[in-house]
């Protein structure tokens, strides 16, 4: 992963992950960032919750498994 952080203004930070956002070959995001990386380009590294929510494809919610004493 290559990251260009602007510590004076995090909203201007950039990043690229050469192999894409997923390690799963069947995923559409497996190599979606490779063209950017090959061309020396980056995508915005979003830091603002509203901007993230505006482009999010979904939300993954992880809940802890009940403990034995909770059953």
Protein backbone atom coordinates (compact mmCIF):
# COMPACT_ATOMS: atom_id res chain seq x y z
CA UNK A 1 0.00 0.00 0.00
CA UNK A 2 1.28 3.41 -0.90
CA UNK A 3 -0.07 6.34 1.11
CA UNK A 4 0.56 10.05 0.74
CA UNK A 5 -0.76 11.62 3.94
CA UNK A 6 -1.17 15.36 4.20
CA UNK A 7 -0.89 15.86 7.95
CA UNK A 8 -1.83 19.52 7.56
CA UNK A 9 -5.09 18.53 5.85
CA UNK A 10 -5.98 14.83 6.09
CA UNK A 11 -8.81 15.33 3.56
CA UNK A 12 -6.12 15.74 0.87
CA UNK A 13 -4.45 12.38 1.64
CA UNK A 14 -4.08 9.83 -1.16
CA UNK A 15 -3.52 6.08 -1.33
CA UNK A 16 -3.28 3.11 -3.66
CA UNK A 17 -3.19 -0.61 -2.95
CA UNK A 18 -1.52 -2.35 -5.93
CA UNK A 19 -3.54 -5.53 -5.61
CA UNK A 20 -6.91 -3.86 -5.01
CA UNK A 21 -9.16 -3.79 -1.98
CA UNK A 22 -9.83 -7.53 -1.73
CA UNK A 23 -7.62 -10.58 -1.41
CA UNK A 24 -10.35 -12.75 -2.89
CA UNK A 25 -9.77 -13.48 -6.62
CA UNK A 26 -13.50 -13.73 -7.38
CA UNK A 27 -14.18 -10.27 -5.94
CA UNK A 28 -14.61 -7.29 -8.30
CA UNK A 29 -12.24 -5.44 -5.97
CA UNK A 30 -9.44 -8.01 -6.25
CA UNK A 31 -7.41 -5.93 -8.69
CA UNK A 32 -9.48 -2.79 -9.12
CA UNK A 33 -6.65 -0.47 -8.03
CA UNK A 34 -3.93 -2.09 -10.15
CA UNK A 35 -4.41 0.32 -13.10
CA UNK A 36 -3.95 3.31 -10.79
CA UNK A 37 -0.80 1.79 -9.31
CA UNK A 38 0.65 0.96 -12.73
CA UNK A 39 0.12 4.58 -13.83
CA UNK A 40 1.55 6.07 -10.62
CA UNK A 41 -1.87 7.40 -9.64
CA UNK A 42 -3.73 7.41 -6.33
CA UNK A 43 -7.29 7.65 -5.04
CA UNK A 44 -8.50 9.91 -2.22
CA UNK A 45 -7.99 8.43 1.24
CA UNK A 46 -11.33 9.44 2.69
CA UNK A 47 -11.32 10.57 6.32
CA UNK A 48 -14.71 12.27 6.60
CA UNK A 49 -17.60 10.00 7.71
CA UNK A 50 -20.11 11.67 5.35
CA UNK A 51 -17.78 11.20 2.36
CA UNK A 52 -17.18 7.57 3.30
CA UNK A 53 -20.90 6.87 3.72
CA UNK A 54 -21.62 8.51 0.35
CA UNK A 55 -19.48 5.99 -1.56
CA UNK A 56 -19.79 2.90 0.66
CA UNK A 57 -21.14 -0.19 -1.09
CA UNK A 58 -22.28 -1.71 2.18
CA UNK A 59 -21.61 -2.08 5.86
CA UNK A 60 -20.19 -5.11 7.61
CA UNK A 61 -21.22 -5.42 11.26
CA UNK A 62 -19.22 -7.78 13.43
CA UNK A 63 -20.77 -8.88 16.70
CA UNK A 64 -18.88 -10.86 19.32
CA UNK A 65 -20.02 -14.41 19.94
CA UNK A 66 -21.87 -14.90 23.22
CA UNK A 67 -19.62 -16.07 26.02
CA UNK A 68 -20.41 -19.34 27.78
CA UNK A 69 -21.52 -17.45 30.92
CA UNK A 70 -23.96 -15.35 28.81
CA UNK A 71 -25.97 -18.34 27.57
